[in-house]
Amino acid sequence: MPETLTLYTASVCPYAQRVELALSEAKAPFTRFEVDLQNKPEWYAPKVNPASKVPAIAYGGPQVPPDQPSPESTKIAESLVLLEFVADLYPDSGLLPKDPVLRAKARFFIDAVSNKFNPAFFKFVFRGEGTLDEFVAAIKEIQALLPAEGYVIGPFSIADLALIPFWGRGLVAFENDLGGFAVGEGPKYLEAIKKNPELTRFLKYVDDVTSRPSFKATFVPEVIKARFKERFRSGKA
């Protein structure tokens, strides 16, 4: 019988969705607890994650209510650590292949997401800094690491899960004109990206990933849209 596993998450958070995706792909039994990031429970930081962030997992120990985490369970945090943890718990899921070369390729891609795509994403989409060309350049760096077809390393893996939650939130931001950019620019930016012939491979790739049942089950655009409205206070529909 598998150990108990509780995931502390938030629908709005791309880092947390990474781990929900992994658990979904692995068909892992777990208890889900939604943390209100604007009003976190007082017990969360001292009993689950001292950094007071999501995602976090309580693993093992007795079966207890999520809001009463047991001191006997192991608490683990940080999304990329948790991706590998889930892959190790469920090796038959193939989320991290046994082949060392493929494992290295997956980790290399994840590093590019962390150090190339995400900085450009947050800068342009959330802070409204830089230019569309700079953001597109970061997309191209990711695209250059993709094979001609399929997923990052061939089989679906944690490499794919590292990127897609951020792209999903970018779509919500652009489609609903809710970001750090000037009012009215969001839909224009998205149209320019979709019509850019140099991004064809990337766009096909993200369509493939967002079409998976795991993504559809863990992506809640209405919650993300509502939070973006609050964050950017734009009053846009």
Protein backbone atom coordinates (compact mmCIF):
# COMPACT_ATOMS: atom_id res chain seq x y z
CA MET A 1 0.00 0.00 0.00
CA PRO A 2 1.48 3.40 -0.97
CA GLU A 3 2.34 5.97 1.65
CA THR A 4 -0.13 8.76 2.25
CA LEU A 5 0.53 11.87 0.19
CA THR A 6 -1.01 15.31 0.61
CA LEU A 7 -0.35 18.04 -1.91
CA TYR A 8 -0.62 21.64 -0.74
CA THR A 9 -1.31 23.65 -3.85
CA ALA A 10 -3.06 26.68 -5.35
CA SER A 11 -4.88 26.72 -8.68
CA VAL A 12 -3.43 30.09 -9.59
CA CYS A 13 0.20 29.04 -9.10
CA PRO A 14 2.18 27.69 -12.08
CA TYR A 15 4.77 26.08 -9.81
CA ALA A 16 2.06 24.16 -8.00
CA GLN A 17 0.44 23.06 -11.25
CA ARG A 18 3.72 21.43 -12.23
CA VAL A 19 3.34 18.97 -9.37
CA GLU A 20 -0.39 18.42 -9.88
CA LEU A 21 0.41 17.56 -13.48
CA ALA A 22 3.04 15.04 -12.39
CA LEU A 23 0.69 13.36 -9.93
CA SER A 24 -2.04 13.26 -12.58
CA GLU A 25 0.28 11.75 -15.18
CA ALA A 26 1.46 9.16 -12.64
CA LYS A 27 -2.15 8.37 -11.68
CA ALA A 28 -1.04 8.75 -8.08
CA PRO A 29 -3.54 8.70 -5.21
CA PHE A 30 -3.23 11.87 -3.16
CA THR A 31 -5.16 14.36 -1.09
CA ARG A 32 -5.33 17.86 -2.47
CA PHE A 33 -5.45 20.92 -0.23
CA GLU A 34 -6.01 24.34 -1.81
CA VAL A 35 -4.02 27.06 -0.04
CA ASP A 36 -5.40 30.59 -0.27
CA LEU A 37 -2.23 32.47 -1.14
CA GLN A 38 -3.80 35.76 -0.06
CA ASN A 39 -4.80 34.38 3.32
CA LYS A 40 -2.60 31.42 4.20
CA PRO A 41 -3.56 29.31 7.22
CA GLU A 42 -1.52 30.14 10.32
CA TRP A 43 -0.46 26.52 10.66
CA TYR A 44 0.87 26.23 7.09
CA ALA A 45 4.37 27.68 7.50
CA PRO A 46 5.26 26.10 10.87
CA LYS A 47 3.78 22.68 10.07
CA VAL A 48 4.26 22.25 6.31
CA ASN A 49 6.62 24.70 4.58
CA PRO A 50 8.62 27.31 6.54
CA ALA A 51 8.96 29.33 3.32
CA SER A 52 5.14 29.58 3.30
CA LYS A 53 5.00 28.79 -0.42
CA VAL A 54 3.25 26.22 -2.57
CA PRO A 55 3.65 23.56 -3.72
CA ALA A 56 4.55 21.32 -0.83
CA ILE A 57 3.95 17.68 -0.09
CA ALA A 58 3.41 15.85 3.19
CA TYR A 59 4.51 12.27 2.56
CA GLY A 60 4.00 9.28 4.82
CA GLY A 61 2.78 9.22 8.38
CA PRO A 62 -0.80 8.56 9.49
CA GLN A 63 -3.85 9.45 7.45
CA VAL A 64 -4.89 12.82 8.86
CA PRO A 65 -6.95 15.80 7.65
CA PRO A 66 -4.82 18.07 5.42
CA ASP A 67 -5.30 20.99 7.80
CA GLN A 68 -3.88 18.89 10.64
CA PRO A 69 -0.57 17.73 9.14
CA SER A 70 1.18 15.04 11.14
CA PRO A 71 4.70 15.66 12.48
CA GLU A 72 5.40 12.07 11.43
CA SER A 73 5.09 12.86 7.72
CA THR A 74 8.01 14.13 5.66
CA LYS A 75 7.48 17.62 4.27
CA ILE A 76 9.01 18.38 0.88
CA ALA A 77 8.84 21.64 -1.09
CA GLU A 78 10.02 23.33 -4.31
CA SER A 79 8.34 22.37 -7.56
CA LEU A 80 11.34 21.01 -9.46
CA VAL A 81 12.39 18.89 -6.48
CA LEU A 82 8.84 17.57 -6.26
CA LEU A 83 8.72 16.74 -9.98
CA GLU A 84 11.67 14.40 -9.53
CA PHE A 85 10.22 13.09 -6.27
CA VAL A 86 6.97 12.08 -7.97
CA ALA A 87 8.93 10.57 -10.88
CA ASP A 88 10.98 8.53 -8.41
CA LEU A 89 7.89 7.42 -6.49
CA TYR A 90 6.26 6.25 -9.70
CA PRO A 91 9.04 5.05 -12.00
CA ASP A 92 6.58 3.22 -14.24
CA SER A 93 5.06 6.58 -15.16
CA GLY A 94 8.10 7.32 -17.31
CA LEU A 95 8.16 10.91 -16.07
CA LEU A 96 11.91 10.60 -15.69
CA PRO A 97 13.31 7.84 -17.93
CA LYS A 98 15.91 5.38 -16.71
CA ASP A 99 18.25 6.23 -19.57
CA PRO A 100 20.88 8.64 -18.19
CA VAL A 101 21.17 10.57 -21.46
CA LEU A 102 17.43 11.24 -21.60
CA ARG A 103 17.46 12.21 -17.92
CA ALA A 104 20.25 14.68 -18.62
CA LYS A 105 18.36 16.13 -21.60
CA ALA A 106 15.24 16.57 -19.47
CA ARG A 107 17.20 18.40 -16.79
CA PHE A 108 18.98 20.55 -19.35
CA PHE A 109 15.64 21.64 -20.79
CA ILE A 110 14.31 22.39 -17.31
CA ASP A 111 17.37 24.54 -16.66
CA ALA A 112 16.63 26.49 -19.84
CA VAL A 113 13.05 27.03 -18.71
CA SER A 114 14.26 28.32 -15.33
CA ASN A 115 17.03 30.54 -16.63
CA LYS A 116 15.89 31.66 -20.08
CA PHE A 117 12.15 31.35 -20.59
CA ASN A 118 10.77 32.17 -17.15
CA PRO A 119 12.82 35.35 -16.56
CA ALA A 120 11.69 36.69 -19.94
CA PHE A 121 8.11 35.56 -19.26
CA PHE A 122 7.81 37.34 -15.91
CA LYS A 123 9.59 40.42 -17.20
CA PHE A 124 7.38 40.88 -20.24
CA VAL A 125 4.01 39.44 -19.22
CA PHE A 126 3.83 40.35 -15.54
CA ARG A 127 6.04 43.41 -15.22
CA GLY A 128 5.44 44.90 -18.66
CA GLU A 129 9.14 45.42 -19.22
CA GLY A 130 11.19 44.75 -22.31
CA THR A 131 9.80 44.12 -25.79
CA LEU A 132 7.85 41.43 -27.59
CA ASP A 133 10.97 40.69 -29.63
CA GLU A 134 12.89 39.92 -26.43
CA PHE A 135 10.15 37.55 -25.25
CA VAL A 136 10.04 35.86 -28.65
CA ALA A 137 13.81 35.43 -28.49
CA ALA A 138 13.38 33.49 -25.24
CA ILE A 139 10.69 31.32 -26.84
CA LYS A 140 13.08 30.60 -29.70
CA GLU A 141 15.75 29.46 -27.25
CA ILE A 142 13.30 26.91 -25.88
CA GLN A 143 12.14 25.96 -29.36
CA ALA A 144 15.74 25.24 -30.37
CA LEU A 145 15.85 22.47 -27.76
CA LEU A 146 12.74 20.71 -29.08
CA PRO A 147 12.95 17.70 -31.39
CA ALA A 148 11.31 17.91 -34.81
CA GLU A 149 8.13 16.42 -33.37
CA GLY A 150 6.79 15.05 -30.11
CA TYR A 151 7.81 16.00 -26.61
CA VAL A 152 11.09 17.36 -25.26
CA ILE A 153 12.96 14.08 -24.89
CA GLY A 154 10.65 11.88 -26.96
CA PRO A 155 8.48 10.34 -24.24
CA PHE A 156 6.42 12.72 -22.13
CA SER A 157 8.44 13.74 -19.06
CA ILE A 158 8.93 16.22 -16.26
CA ALA A 159 10.67 18.46 -18.80
CA ASP A 160 7.31 19.16 -20.43
CA LEU A 161 5.68 19.78 -17.06
CA ALA A 162 8.29 22.39 -16.14
CA LEU A 163 7.28 24.75 -18.94
CA ILE A 164 3.60 24.41 -19.73
CA PRO A 165 1.98 25.97 -16.62
CA PHE A 166 3.73 29.25 -17.38
CA TRP A 167 2.70 29.26 -21.02
CA GLY A 168 -0.88 28.56 -19.94
CA ARG A 169 -0.89 31.62 -17.70
CA GLY A 170 0.63 33.66 -20.47
CA LEU A 171 -2.32 32.73 -22.67
CA VAL A 172 -4.77 33.84 -19.97
CA ALA A 173 -2.90 37.13 -19.59
CA PHE A 174 -2.75 37.88 -23.31
CA GLU A 175 -6.26 36.69 -24.19
CA ASN A 176 -7.85 38.72 -21.39
CA ASP A 177 -5.52 41.72 -21.65
CA LEU A 178 -4.46 41.24 -18.04
CA GLY A 179 -0.76 41.79 -17.55
CA GLY A 180 1.90 44.33 -16.88
CA PHE A 181 1.75 45.48 -20.48
CA ALA A 182 -0.23 48.50 -21.72
CA VAL A 183 -4.02 48.22 -21.96
CA GLY A 184 -5.11 46.78 -25.28
CA GLU A 185 -1.76 45.19 -26.11
CA GLY A 186 -2.35 41.66 -24.78
CA PRO A 187 -4.44 40.24 -27.64
CA LYS A 188 -2.16 41.94 -30.16
CA TYR A 189 0.90 40.29 -28.65
CA LEU A 190 -0.75 36.88 -28.72
CA GLU A 191 -1.82 37.31 -32.33
CA ALA A 192 1.73 38.32 -33.28
CA ILE A 193 3.14 35.23 -31.56
CA LYS A 194 0.62 32.89 -33.19
CA LYS A 195 1.27 34.35 -36.65
CA ASN A 196 5.04 34.30 -36.33
CA PRO A 197 6.26 31.68 -38.84
CA GLU A 198 9.45 31.24 -36.86
CA LEU A 199 7.53 29.87 -33.86
CA THR A 200 5.59 27.13 -35.64
CA ARG A 201 7.36 24.28 -33.87
CA PHE A 202 6.95 25.81 -30.42
CA LEU A 203 3.25 26.50 -30.96
CA LYS A 204 2.61 22.93 -32.13
CA TYR A 205 4.48 21.65 -29.10
CA VAL A 206 2.51 23.67 -26.54
CA ASP A 207 -0.74 22.69 -28.28
CA ASP A 208 0.24 19.04 -27.89
CA VAL A 209 0.97 19.42 -24.18
CA THR A 210 -2.10 21.49 -23.35
CA SER A 211 -4.26 18.90 -25.12
CA ARG A 212 -3.32 16.21 -22.61
CA PRO A 213 -6.03 15.21 -20.08
CA SER A 214 -3.67 16.00 -17.19
CA PHE A 215 -3.36 19.62 -18.27
CA LYS A 216 -7.08 20.06 -18.79
CA ALA A 217 -7.76 18.57 -15.36
CA THR A 218 -5.30 20.80 -13.49
CA PHE A 219 -5.59 24.11 -15.35
CA VAL A 220 -8.32 26.42 -14.02
CA PRO A 221 -8.34 29.50 -16.28
CA GLU A 222 -11.27 31.22 -14.56
CA VAL A 223 -9.41 31.21 -11.24
CA ILE A 224 -6.25 32.52 -12.89
CA LYS A 225 -8.20 35.22 -14.73
CA ALA A 226 -9.87 36.37 -11.50
CA ARG A 227 -6.51 36.60 -9.73
CA PHE A 228 -4.96 38.50 -12.62
CA LYS A 229 -7.82 40.99 -12.50
CA GLU A 230 -7.07 41.60 -8.84
CA ARG A 231 -3.33 41.79 -9.39
CA PHE A 232 -3.32 44.19 -12.28
CA ARG A 233 -6.47 46.11 -11.26
CA SER A 234 -7.12 46.91 -14.87
CA GLY A 235 -10.88 46.53 -14.88
CA LYS A 236 -10.62 44.82 -18.26
CA ALA A 237 -12.99 42.01 -19.20
